[in-house]
C-alpha atoms as a PDB file:
ATOM      1  CA  MET A   1      12.815 -34.347  -1.298  1.00  0.00           C
ATOM      2  CA  SER A   2       9.718 -33.228   0.631  1.00  0.00           C
ATOM      3  CA  ASP A   3       9.592 -30.091   2.773  1.00  0.00           C
ATOM      4  CA  SER A   4       9.601 -32.233   5.910  1.00  0.00           C
ATOM      5  CA  ASP A   5      12.955 -33.704   4.831  1.00  0.00           C
ATOM      6  CA  TYR A   6      14.611 -30.355   4.283  1.00  0.00           C
ATOM      7  CA  ILE A   7      17.718 -29.611   6.354  1.00  0.00           C
ATOM      8  CA  PRO A   8      19.148 -26.083   5.956  1.00  0.00           C
ATOM      9  CA  PRO A   9      22.720 -26.092   4.612  1.00  0.00           C
ATOM     10  CA  LYS A  10      25.524 -24.394   6.509  1.00  0.00           C
ATOM     11  CA  VAL A  11      25.540 -21.581   3.922  1.00  0.00           C
ATOM     12  CA  TRP A  12      22.384 -20.572   2.068  1.00  0.00           C
ATOM     13  CA  THR A  13      22.621 -20.195  -1.715  1.00  0.00           C
ATOM     14  CA  TRP A  14      20.126 -18.462  -3.969  1.00  0.00           C
ATOM     15  CA  ASN A  15      18.010 -20.628  -6.245  1.00  0.00           C
ATOM     16  CA  LYS A  16      16.425 -18.009  -8.502  1.00  0.00           C
ATOM     17  CA  ASP A  17      13.976 -20.547  -9.967  1.00  0.00           C
ATOM     18  CA  ALA A  18      12.369 -21.334  -6.600  1.00  0.00           C
ATOM     19  CA  GLY A  19      10.752 -17.985  -5.871  1.00  0.00           C
ATOM     20  CA  GLY A  20       7.180 -18.642  -6.948  1.00  0.00           C
ATOM     21  CA  ARG A  21       5.116 -15.995  -8.704  1.00  0.00           C
ATOM     22  CA  PHE A  22       7.611 -13.176  -8.102  1.00  0.00           C
ATOM     23  CA  ALA A  23      10.804 -15.107  -8.806  1.00  0.00           C
ATOM     24  CA  ASN A  24      11.688 -12.757 -11.675  1.00  0.00           C
ATOM     25  CA  ILE A  25      11.981  -9.720  -9.397  1.00  0.00           C
ATOM     26  CA  ASN A  26      13.135 -11.202  -6.098  1.00  0.00           C
ATOM     27  CA  ARG A  27      16.870 -11.276  -5.409  1.00  0.00           C
ATOM     28  CA  PRO A  28      19.145 -11.294  -2.343  1.00  0.00           C
ATOM     29  CA  ILE A  29      21.004  -8.064  -3.182  1.00  0.00           C
ATOM     30  CA  ALA A  30      20.041  -4.385  -3.414  1.00  0.00           C
ATOM     31  CA  GLY A  31      20.982  -1.664  -5.866  1.00  0.00           C
ATOM     32  CA  PRO A  32      19.942  -0.814  -9.442  1.00  0.00           C
ATOM     33  CA  THR A  33      19.846  -3.296 -12.307  1.00  0.00           C
ATOM     34  CA  HIS A  34      19.724  -0.692 -15.066  1.00  0.00           C
ATOM     35  CA  GLU A  35      20.237   3.004 -15.729  1.00  0.00           C
ATOM     36  CA  LYS A  36      17.075   5.039 -16.180  1.00  0.00           C
ATOM     37  CA  GLU A  37      16.038   8.462 -14.967  1.00  0.00           C
ATOM     38  CA  LEU A  38      12.612   8.975 -13.447  1.00  0.00           C
ATOM     39  CA  PRO A  39      10.118  11.216 -15.235  1.00  0.00           C
ATOM     40  CA  VAL A  40       9.262  14.552 -13.629  1.00  0.00           C
ATOM     41  CA  GLY A  41       5.935  16.360 -13.948  1.00  0.00           C
ATOM     42  CA  LYS A  42       4.728  19.882 -13.282  1.00  0.00           C
ATOM     43  CA  HIS A  43       3.859  19.631  -9.586  1.00  0.00           C
ATOM     44  CA  PRO A  44       6.181  19.892  -6.571  1.00  0.00           C
ATOM     45  CA  LEU A  45       5.138  16.452  -5.330  1.00  0.00           C
ATOM     46  CA  GLN A  46       6.298  13.585  -7.522  1.00  0.00           C
ATOM     47  CA  LEU A  47       4.976  10.149  -6.578  1.00  0.00           C
ATOM     48  CA  TYR A  48       6.397   6.950  -8.034  1.00  0.00           C
ATOM     49  CA  SER A  49       4.109   4.089  -7.150  1.00  0.00           C
ATOM     50  CA  LEU A  50       1.711   1.275  -7.988  1.00  0.00           C
ATOM     51  CA  GLY A  51      -1.880   0.741  -6.833  1.00  0.00           C
ATOM     52  CA  THR A  52      -1.061  -1.937  -4.258  1.00  0.00           C
ATOM     53  CA  PRO A  53      -2.241  -1.435  -0.660  1.00  0.00           C
ATOM     54  CA  ASN A  54       0.986   0.398   0.192  1.00  0.00           C
ATOM     55  CA  GLY A  55       0.632   2.676  -2.806  1.00  0.00           C
ATOM     56  CA  VAL A  56      -3.049   3.362  -2.128  1.00  0.00           C
ATOM     57  CA  LYS A  57      -2.214   4.711   1.333  1.00  0.00           C
ATOM     58  CA  VAL A  58      -0.369   7.665  -0.183  1.00  0.00           C
ATOM     59  CA  THR A  59      -2.726   8.461  -3.063  1.00  0.00           C
ATOM     60  CA  VAL A  60      -5.651   8.436  -0.625  1.00  0.00           C
ATOM     61  CA  MET A  61      -3.755  10.867   1.619  1.00  0.00           C
ATOM     62  CA  LEU A  62      -2.984  13.197  -1.281  1.00  0.00           C
ATOM     63  CA  GLU A  63      -6.572  13.143  -2.533  1.00  0.00           C
ATOM     64  CA  GLU A  64      -7.857  13.799   0.993  1.00  0.00           C
ATOM     65  CA  LEU A  65      -5.532  16.800   1.292  1.00  0.00           C
ATOM     66  CA  LEU A  66      -6.738  18.168  -2.032  1.00  0.00           C
ATOM     67  CA  ALA A  67     -10.345  17.655  -0.941  1.00  0.00           C
ATOM     68  CA  LEU A  68      -9.634  19.893   2.063  1.00  0.00           C
ATOM     69  CA  GLY A  69      -8.333  22.617  -0.247  1.00  0.00           C
ATOM     70  CA  TYR A  70      -4.570  22.171   0.166  1.00  0.00           C
ATOM     71  CA  SER A  71      -3.526  23.129  -3.357  1.00  0.00           C
ATOM     72  CA  GLY A  72       0.112  22.437  -2.498  1.00  0.00           C
ATOM     73  CA  ALA A  73      -0.774  18.757  -2.375  1.00  0.00           C
ATOM     74  CA  GLU A  74      -1.242  18.591  -6.151  1.00  0.00           C
ATOM     75  CA  TYR A  75       0.898  15.778  -7.445  1.00  0.00           C
ATOM     76  CA  ASP A  76       2.112  13.775 -10.384  1.00  0.00           C
ATOM     77  CA  ALA A  77       1.717  10.018  -9.909  1.00  0.00           C
ATOM     78  CA  TRP A  78       3.970   7.936 -12.130  1.00  0.00           C
ATOM     79  CA  LEU A  79       3.436   4.223 -12.598  1.00  0.00           C
ATOM     80  CA  ILE A  80       6.182   1.917 -11.326  1.00  0.00           C
ATOM     81  CA  ASN A  81       5.499  -1.548 -12.708  1.00  0.00           C
ATOM     82  CA  ILE A  82       7.193  -3.804 -10.184  1.00  0.00           C
ATOM     83  CA  GLY A  83       6.501  -6.882 -12.317  1.00  0.00           C
ATOM     84  CA  ASN A  84       8.766  -5.362 -14.974  1.00  0.00           C
ATOM     85  CA  GLY A  85      11.430  -4.365 -12.441  1.00  0.00           C
ATOM     86  CA  ASP A  86      10.897  -0.586 -12.729  1.00  0.00           C
ATOM     87  CA  GLN A  87      11.776  -0.295  -9.030  1.00  0.00           C
ATOM     88  CA  PHE A  88      15.349  -1.328  -9.813  1.00  0.00           C
ATOM     89  CA  SER A  89      16.102   1.592 -12.123  1.00  0.00           C
ATOM     90  CA  SER A  90      18.927   3.881 -11.043  1.00  0.00           C
ATOM     91  CA  GLY A  91      16.507   6.807 -10.721  1.00  0.00           C
ATOM     92  CA  PHE A  92      14.130   4.934  -8.447  1.00  0.00           C
ATOM     93  CA  VAL A  93      16.921   3.515  -6.294  1.00  0.00           C
ATOM     94  CA  ASP A  94      18.210   7.082  -5.808  1.00  0.00           C
ATOM     95  CA  ILE A  95      14.877   7.926  -4.154  1.00  0.00           C
ATOM     96  CA  ASN A  96      14.344   4.607  -2.408  1.00  0.00           C
ATOM     97  CA  PRO A  97      17.444   2.450  -1.876  1.00  0.00           C
ATOM     98  CA  ASN A  98      15.101  -0.332  -0.723  1.00  0.00           C
ATOM     99  CA  SER A  99      13.498  -0.558  -4.202  1.00  0.00           C
ATOM    100  CA  LYS A 100       9.930  -0.716  -2.906  1.00  0.00           C
ATOM    101  CA  ILE A 101       6.927   1.402  -3.820  1.00  0.00           C
ATOM    102  CA  PRO A 102       5.794   4.017  -2.982  1.00  0.00           C
ATOM    103  CA  ALA A 103       8.487   6.681  -3.143  1.00  0.00           C
ATOM    104  CA  LEU A 104       7.933  10.446  -3.021  1.00  0.00           C
ATOM    105  CA  PHE A 105      10.137  13.335  -4.052  1.00  0.00           C
ATOM    106  CA  ASP A 106       9.161  16.808  -2.859  1.00  0.00           C
ATOM    107  CA  ARG A 107      10.558  19.467  -5.183  1.00  0.00           C
ATOM    108  CA  SER A 108       9.077  22.398  -3.245  1.00  0.00           C
ATOM    109  CA  THR A 109      12.469  23.117  -1.657  1.00  0.00           C
ATOM    110  CA  GLU A 110      15.703  23.992  -3.447  1.00  0.00           C
ATOM    111  CA  ALA A 111      17.448  20.740  -2.585  1.00  0.00           C
ATOM    112  CA  GLY A 112      14.333  18.581  -2.712  1.00  0.00           C
ATOM    113  CA  VAL A 113      13.341  15.936  -0.198  1.00  0.00           C
ATOM    114  CA  ARG A 114      13.092  12.213  -0.829  1.00  0.00           C
ATOM    115  CA  VAL A 115      10.714  10.172   1.328  1.00  0.00           C
ATOM    116  CA  PHE A 116      10.335   6.413   1.195  1.00  0.00           C
ATOM    117  CA  GLU A 117       8.317   3.859   3.174  1.00  0.00           C
ATOM    118  CA  SER A 118       4.569   4.480   3.080  1.00  0.00           C
ATOM    119  CA  GLY A 119       4.275   5.255   6.798  1.00  0.00           C
ATOM    120  CA  ALA A 120       7.038   7.842   6.571  1.00  0.00           C
ATOM    121  CA  ILE A 121       5.341   9.446   3.563  1.00  0.00           C
ATOM    122  CA  LEU A 122       2.031   9.684   5.425  1.00  0.00           C
ATOM    123  CA  MET A 123       3.749  11.318   8.410  1.00  0.00           C
ATOM    124  CA  TYR A 124       5.716  13.659   6.154  1.00  0.00           C
ATOM    125  CA  LEU A 125       2.590  14.867   4.369  1.00  0.00           C
ATOM    126  CA  ALA A 126       0.585  15.144   7.595  1.00  0.00           C
ATOM    127  CA  GLU A 127       3.262  17.341   9.151  1.00  0.00           C
ATOM    128  CA  LYS A 128       3.875  19.340   5.961  1.00  0.00           C
ATOM    129  CA  PHE A 129       0.205  20.308   5.642  1.00  0.00           C
ATOM    130  CA  GLY A 130      -0.883  20.093   9.277  1.00  0.00           C
ATOM    131  CA  ALA A 131      -3.715  17.668   8.569  1.00  0.00           C
ATOM    132  CA  PHE A 132      -4.889  14.159   9.478  1.00  0.00           C
ATOM    133  CA  LEU A 133      -2.549  13.854  12.460  1.00  0.00           C
ATOM    134  CA  PRO A 134      -3.991  15.090  15.769  1.00  0.00           C
ATOM    135  CA  LYS A 135      -2.149  17.879  17.518  1.00  0.00           C
ATOM    136  CA  SER A 136      -2.997  16.900  21.089  1.00  0.00           C
ATOM    137  CA  HIS A 137      -0.413  14.538  22.516  1.00  0.00           C
ATOM    138  CA  PRO A 138      -2.754  11.698  23.566  1.00  0.00           C
ATOM    139  CA  LYS A 139      -4.602  11.574  20.238  1.00  0.00           C
ATOM    140  CA  ARG A 140      -1.371  11.976  18.282  1.00  0.00           C
ATOM    141  CA  ALA A 141       0.170   9.110  20.212  1.00  0.00           C
ATOM    142  CA  GLU A 142      -2.875   6.942  19.503  1.00  0.00           C
ATOM    143  CA  ALA A 143      -2.770   7.704  15.774  1.00  0.00           C
ATOM    144  CA  LEU A 144       0.951   7.012  15.537  1.00  0.00           C
ATOM    145  CA  SER A 145       0.626   3.826  17.559  1.00  0.00           C
ATOM    146  CA  TRP A 146      -1.922   2.453  15.077  1.00  0.00           C
ATOM    147  CA  LEU A 147       0.108   3.700  12.120  1.00  0.00           C
ATOM    148  CA  PHE A 148       3.120   1.734  13.315  1.00  0.00           C
ATOM    149  CA  TRP A 149       0.900  -1.213  14.235  1.00  0.00           C
ATOM    150  CA  GLN A 150       0.038  -1.430  10.563  1.00  0.00           C
ATOM    151  CA  MET A 151       3.636  -1.127   9.444  1.00  0.00           C
ATOM    152  CA  GLY A 152       4.622  -3.993  11.709  1.00  0.00           C
ATOM    153  CA  SER A 153       1.555  -6.170  11.187  1.00  0.00           C
ATOM    154  CA  ALA A 154       0.897  -6.057   7.444  1.00  0.00           C
ATOM    155  CA  PRO A 155       4.050  -8.023   6.497  1.00  0.00           C
ATOM    156  CA  PHE A 156       2.519 -11.009   8.307  1.00  0.00           C
ATOM    157  CA  LEU A 157      -0.648 -10.534   6.255  1.00  0.00           C
ATOM    158  CA  GLY A 158       1.051  -9.901   2.904  1.00  0.00           C
ATOM    159  CA  GLY A 159       4.437 -11.558   2.982  1.00  0.00           C
ATOM    160  CA  GLY A 160       3.183 -14.291   5.284  1.00  0.00           C
ATOM    161  CA  PHE A 161      -0.441 -15.269   4.676  1.00  0.00           C
ATOM    162  CA  GLY A 162      -0.790 -13.775   1.197  1.00  0.00           C
ATOM    163  CA  HIS A 163       2.407 -15.324  -0.079  1.00  0.00           C
ATOM    164  CA  PHE A 164       1.790 -18.854   1.158  1.00  0.00           C
ATOM    165  CA  TYR A 165      -1.978 -18.857   0.513  1.00  0.00           C
ATOM    166  CA  ALA A 166      -1.971 -17.265  -2.951  1.00  0.00           C
ATOM    167  CA  TYR A 167       1.501 -17.057  -4.469  1.00  0.00           C
ATOM    168  CA  ALA A 168       3.809 -19.829  -3.251  1.00  0.00           C
ATOM    169  CA  PRO A 169       4.551 -22.517  -5.871  1.00  0.00           C
ATOM    170  CA  VAL A 170       3.380 -25.221  -3.440  1.00  0.00           C
ATOM    171  CA  LYS A 171       0.745 -25.211  -0.693  1.00  0.00           C
ATOM    172  CA  ILE A 172       2.374 -25.731   2.687  1.00  0.00           C
ATOM    173  CA  GLN A 173      -0.242 -26.353   5.381  1.00  0.00           C
ATOM    174  CA  TYR A 174       2.017 -25.374   8.270  1.00  0.00           C
ATOM    175  CA  ALA A 175       2.807 -21.991   6.696  1.00  0.00           C
ATOM    176  CA  ILE A 176      -0.794 -21.270   5.721  1.00  0.00           C
ATOM    177  CA  ASP A 177      -2.092 -22.276   9.160  1.00  0.00           C
ATOM    178  CA  ARG A 178       0.569 -20.198  10.898  1.00  0.00           C
ATOM    179  CA  TYR A 179      -0.161 -17.006   9.000  1.00  0.00           C
ATOM    180  CA  ALA A 180      -3.934 -17.508   8.792  1.00  0.00           C
ATOM    181  CA  MET A 181      -3.934 -17.671  12.584  1.00  0.00           C
ATOM    182  CA  GLU A 182      -1.926 -14.447  12.821  1.00  0.00           C
ATOM    183  CA  THR A 183      -4.075 -12.661  10.236  1.00  0.00           C
ATOM    184  CA  LYS A 184      -7.261 -13.583  12.093  1.00  0.00           C
ATOM    185  CA  ARG A 185      -5.681 -12.435  15.354  1.00  0.00           C
ATOM    186  CA  GLN A 186      -4.930  -9.064  13.748  1.00  0.00           C
ATOM    187  CA  MET A 187      -8.487  -8.776  12.454  1.00  0.00           C
ATOM    188  CA  ASP A 188      -9.719  -9.496  15.973  1.00  0.00           C
ATOM    189  CA  VAL A 189      -7.441  -6.762  17.343  1.00  0.00           C
ATOM    190  CA  LEU A 190      -9.047  -4.310  14.920  1.00  0.00           C
ATOM    191  CA  ASP A 191     -12.566  -5.569  15.549  1.00  0.00           C
ATOM    192  CA  ARG A 192     -12.286  -5.215  19.322  1.00  0.00           C
ATOM    193  CA  HIS A 193     -10.834  -1.731  19.017  1.00  0.00           C
ATOM    194  CA  LEU A 194     -13.399  -0.516  16.481  1.00  0.00           C
ATOM    195  CA  ALA A 195     -16.221  -1.752  18.698  1.00  0.00           C
ATOM    196  CA  HIS A 196     -15.554   1.312  20.865  1.00  0.00           C
ATOM    197  CA  HIS A 197     -14.078   3.797  18.368  1.00  0.00           C
ATOM    198  CA  GLU A 198     -15.406   5.276  15.146  1.00  0.00           C
ATOM    199  CA  TYR A 199     -11.927   5.494  13.646  1.00  0.00           C
ATOM    200  CA  MET A 200      -8.585   4.040  14.621  1.00  0.00           C
ATOM    201  CA  ALA A 201      -7.543   7.049  16.716  1.00  0.00           C
ATOM    202  CA  GLY A 202     -10.992   7.714  18.161  1.00  0.00           C
ATOM    203  CA  ASP A 203     -13.527  10.086  16.648  1.00  0.00           C
ATOM    204  CA  GLU A 204     -11.058  11.624  14.182  1.00  0.00           C
ATOM    205  CA  TYR A 205     -10.140  10.255  10.734  1.00  0.00           C
ATOM    206  CA  THR A 206      -6.329  10.165  10.522  1.00  0.00           C
ATOM    207  CA  ILE A 207      -3.358   8.750   8.672  1.00  0.00           C
ATOM    208  CA  ALA A 208      -3.801   5.630  10.818  1.00  0.00           C
ATOM    209  CA  ASP A 209      -7.045   4.857   8.972  1.00  0.00           C
ATOM    210  CA  MET A 210      -5.401   5.640   5.632  1.00  0.00           C
ATOM    211  CA  ALA A 211      -2.592   3.196   6.416  1.00  0.00           C
ATOM    212  CA  ILE A 212      -4.740   0.345   7.693  1.00  0.00           C
ATOM    213  CA  TRP A 213      -7.726   0.509   5.334  1.00  0.00           C
ATOM    214  CA  PRO A 214      -6.001  -0.443   2.037  1.00  0.00           C
ATOM    215  CA  TRP A 215      -4.781  -3.675   3.609  1.00  0.00           C
ATOM    216  CA  TYR A 216      -7.411  -4.714   6.126  1.00  0.00           C
ATOM    217  CA  GLY A 217     -10.336  -3.031   4.421  1.00  0.00           C
ATOM    218  CA  ALA A 218      -9.543  -4.949   1.229  1.00  0.00           C
ATOM    219  CA  LEU A 219      -9.294  -8.111   3.301  1.00  0.00           C
ATOM    220  CA  ALA A 220     -12.661  -7.369   4.932  1.00  0.00           C
ATOM    221  CA  GLN A 221     -14.195  -6.850   1.484  1.00  0.00           C
ATOM    222  CA  GLY A 222     -12.967 -10.277   0.408  1.00  0.00           C
ATOM    223  CA  ILE A 223     -10.777  -8.725  -2.296  1.00  0.00           C
ATOM    224  CA  LEU A 224      -7.307  -9.383  -0.925  1.00  0.00           C
ATOM    225  CA  TYR A 225      -6.004 -12.811  -2.014  1.00  0.00           C
ATOM    226  CA  GLU A 226      -9.654 -13.868  -2.554  1.00  0.00           C
ATOM    227  CA  ALA A 227      -9.476 -15.169   0.986  1.00  0.00           C
ATOM    228  CA  GLY A 228     -12.688 -13.731   2.423  1.00  0.00           C
ATOM    229  CA  GLU A 229     -14.495 -17.019   2.919  1.00  0.00           C
ATOM    230  CA  PHE A 230     -11.357 -18.831   4.081  1.00  0.00           C
ATOM    231  CA  LEU A 231     -10.776 -16.253   6.842  1.00  0.00           C
ATOM    232  CA  GLU A 232     -14.497 -15.665   7.581  1.00  0.00           C
ATOM    233  CA  VAL A 233     -14.026 -11.917   7.251  1.00  0.00           C
ATOM    234  CA  GLU A 234     -17.773 -11.209   7.490  1.00  0.00           C
ATOM    235  CA  SER A 235     -17.614 -12.205  11.164  1.00  0.00           C
ATOM    236  CA  TYR A 236     -15.626  -9.055  12.011  1.00  0.00           C
ATOM    237  CA  LYS A 237     -18.663  -6.767  12.166  1.00  0.00           C
ATOM    238  CA  ASN A 238     -16.905  -3.673  13.475  1.00  0.00           C
ATOM    239  CA  VAL A 239     -14.182  -3.910  10.853  1.00  0.00           C
ATOM    240  CA  GLN A 240     -16.932  -4.249   8.235  1.00  0.00           C
ATOM    241  CA  ARG A 241     -18.650  -1.070   9.478  1.00  0.00           C
ATOM    242  CA  TRP A 242     -15.383   0.896   9.451  1.00  0.00           C
ATOM    243  CA  THR A 243     -14.362  -0.484   6.056  1.00  0.00           C
ATOM    244  CA  LYS A 244     -17.624   0.574   4.404  1.00  0.00           C
ATOM    245  CA  GLN A 245     -17.563   3.991   6.076  1.00  0.00           C
ATOM    246  CA  ILE A 246     -14.127   4.806   4.706  1.00  0.00           C
ATOM    247  CA  ALA A 247     -14.880   3.316   1.281  1.00  0.00           C
ATOM    248  CA  GLU A 248     -17.693   5.856   0.874  1.00  0.00           C
ATOM    249  CA  ARG A 249     -15.298   8.824   1.055  1.00  0.00           C
ATOM    250  CA  PRO A 250     -14.888  10.395  -2.425  1.00  0.00           C
ATOM    251  CA  ALA A 251     -11.170  11.042  -1.878  1.00  0.00           C
ATOM    252  CA  VAL A 252     -10.667   7.381  -0.985  1.00  0.00           C
ATOM    253  CA  GLN A 253     -12.482   6.319  -4.138  1.00  0.00           C
ATOM    254  CA  ARG A 254     -10.212   8.555  -6.223  1.00  0.00           C
ATOM    255  CA  GLY A 255      -7.040   7.538  -4.420  1.00  0.00           C
ATOM    256  CA  ARG A 256      -7.827   3.890  -4.962  1.00  0.00           C
ATOM    257  CA  MET A 257      -7.852   4.424  -8.740  1.00  0.00           C
ATOM    258  CA  VAL A 258      -4.408   6.019  -9.048  1.00  0.00           C
ATOM    259  CA  ASN A 259      -1.627   3.781 -10.440  1.00  0.00           C
ATOM    260  CA  ARG A 260      -4.129   0.901 -10.485  1.00  0.00           C
ATOM    261  CA  VAL A 261      -3.439  -1.638 -13.235  1.00  0.00           C
ATOM    262  CA  TYR A 262      -6.036  -4.289 -12.482  1.00  0.00           C
ATOM    263  CA  GLY A 263      -9.806  -4.481 -12.140  1.00  0.00           C
ATOM    264  CA  LYS A 264     -12.407  -2.803 -14.302  1.00  0.00           C
ATOM    265  CA  PRO A 265     -10.921  -0.411 -16.897  1.00  0.00           C
ATOM    266  CA  GLU A 266     -12.957   2.505 -15.533  1.00  0.00           C
ATOM    267  CA  SER A 267     -11.277   2.007 -12.139  1.00  0.00           C
ATOM    268  CA  GLN A 268      -7.736   2.221 -13.530  1.00  0.00           C
ATOM    269  CA  LEU A 269      -5.904   5.540 -13.741  1.00  0.00           C
ATOM    270  CA  TRP A 270      -2.382   4.425 -14.596  1.00  0.00           C
ATOM    271  CA  GLU A 271      -0.908   7.924 -14.167  1.00  0.00           C
ATOM    272  CA  ARG A 272      -2.367  10.993 -12.521  1.00  0.00           C
ATOM    273  CA  HIS A 273      -1.166  14.512 -13.328  1.00  0.00           C
ATOM    274  CA  ASP A 274      -4.339  16.580 -12.935  1.00  0.00           C
ATOM    275  CA  ALA A 275      -7.698  16.223 -11.188  1.00  0.00           C
ATOM    276  CA  SER A 276      -9.402  16.056 -14.584  1.00  0.00           C
ATOM    277  CA  ASP A 277      -7.551  12.810 -15.347  1.00  0.00           C
ATOM    278  CA  PHE A 278     -10.162  10.893 -13.338  1.00  0.00           C
ATOM    279  CA  ASP A 279     -12.744  11.891 -15.943  1.00  0.00           C
ATOM    280  CA  THR A 280     -10.668  11.652 -19.100  1.00  0.00           C
ATOM    281  CA  LYS A 281      -7.730   9.251 -18.712  1.00  0.00           C
ATOM    282  CA  THR A 282      -8.989   6.066 -17.104  1.00  0.00           C
ATOM    283  CA  GLN A 283      -8.313   2.953 -19.129  1.00  0.00           C
ATOM    284  CA  ASP A 284     -11.872   2.701 -20.467  1.00  0.00           C
ATOM    285  CA  LYS A 285     -11.370   6.175 -22.007  1.00  0.00           C
ATOM    286  CA  LEU A 286      -7.884   5.497 -23.347  1.00  0.00           C
ATOM    287  CA  GLN A 287      -8.596   1.985 -24.596  1.00  0.00           C
ATOM    288  CA  PRO A 288     -12.321   1.854 -25.430  1.00  0.00           C
ATOM    289  CA  GLY A 289     -13.612  -1.614 -26.024  1.00  0.00           C
ATOM    290  CA  SER A 290     -10.696  -3.255 -24.242  1.00  0.00           C
END
């Protein structure tokens, strides 16, 4: 039966073999699949994540805080391999009942604080340290508006365009056309805005930039889904300028390496527990010749 012949049944049933590339981890129920405690390091901030765009948001924020001298932002970053289902362990579900990376646990208070959803983590850290979120009401509103723009828009880019263009078991023109159109519309939104602003919230680098850059910067660089030519990303000149400007920040370069499990070995720091790990524990150092 072709897709055009499909008629939804009265009651949907799960076909676990029809999920495409991520069929082994996708399921219609929540909760843990196995018992396993999460590791705990020496720092108050414990991050459980993977170097996807959502994970990079938080490691960039933490590295930016450390670059400003906030020693309380030192953190342990533990690798959560979502391909292996690490996000369904009982320990991870205790921190994030939605079983998605990243998840943060702040042990600086007696009871501890769990924070999940990348946007919430960025806000939590910005308010905890008083950095990267403007204090004046108009600028704060602008930064938060763009932060939540990203949270609402990126699922159309990732779960929509990315899934049907790169991961779906069959190529469906309607789906690809639908989400390519929306992704290009979003890039145009950014391009028009950045034509008149240095950063997303104006002249100040904020958590809005940290949220948007890992997704749309990677898209502008032609990295995300290898769809640069297909989406003509080079045509968005203002997004290109902004993307390159942020990519040059040393803290961004470090944050992009943390919990990264793909790319060149020297760019992969699977776990991060100390600033010196960037020099001594990347995969080219741990597995020379690999």
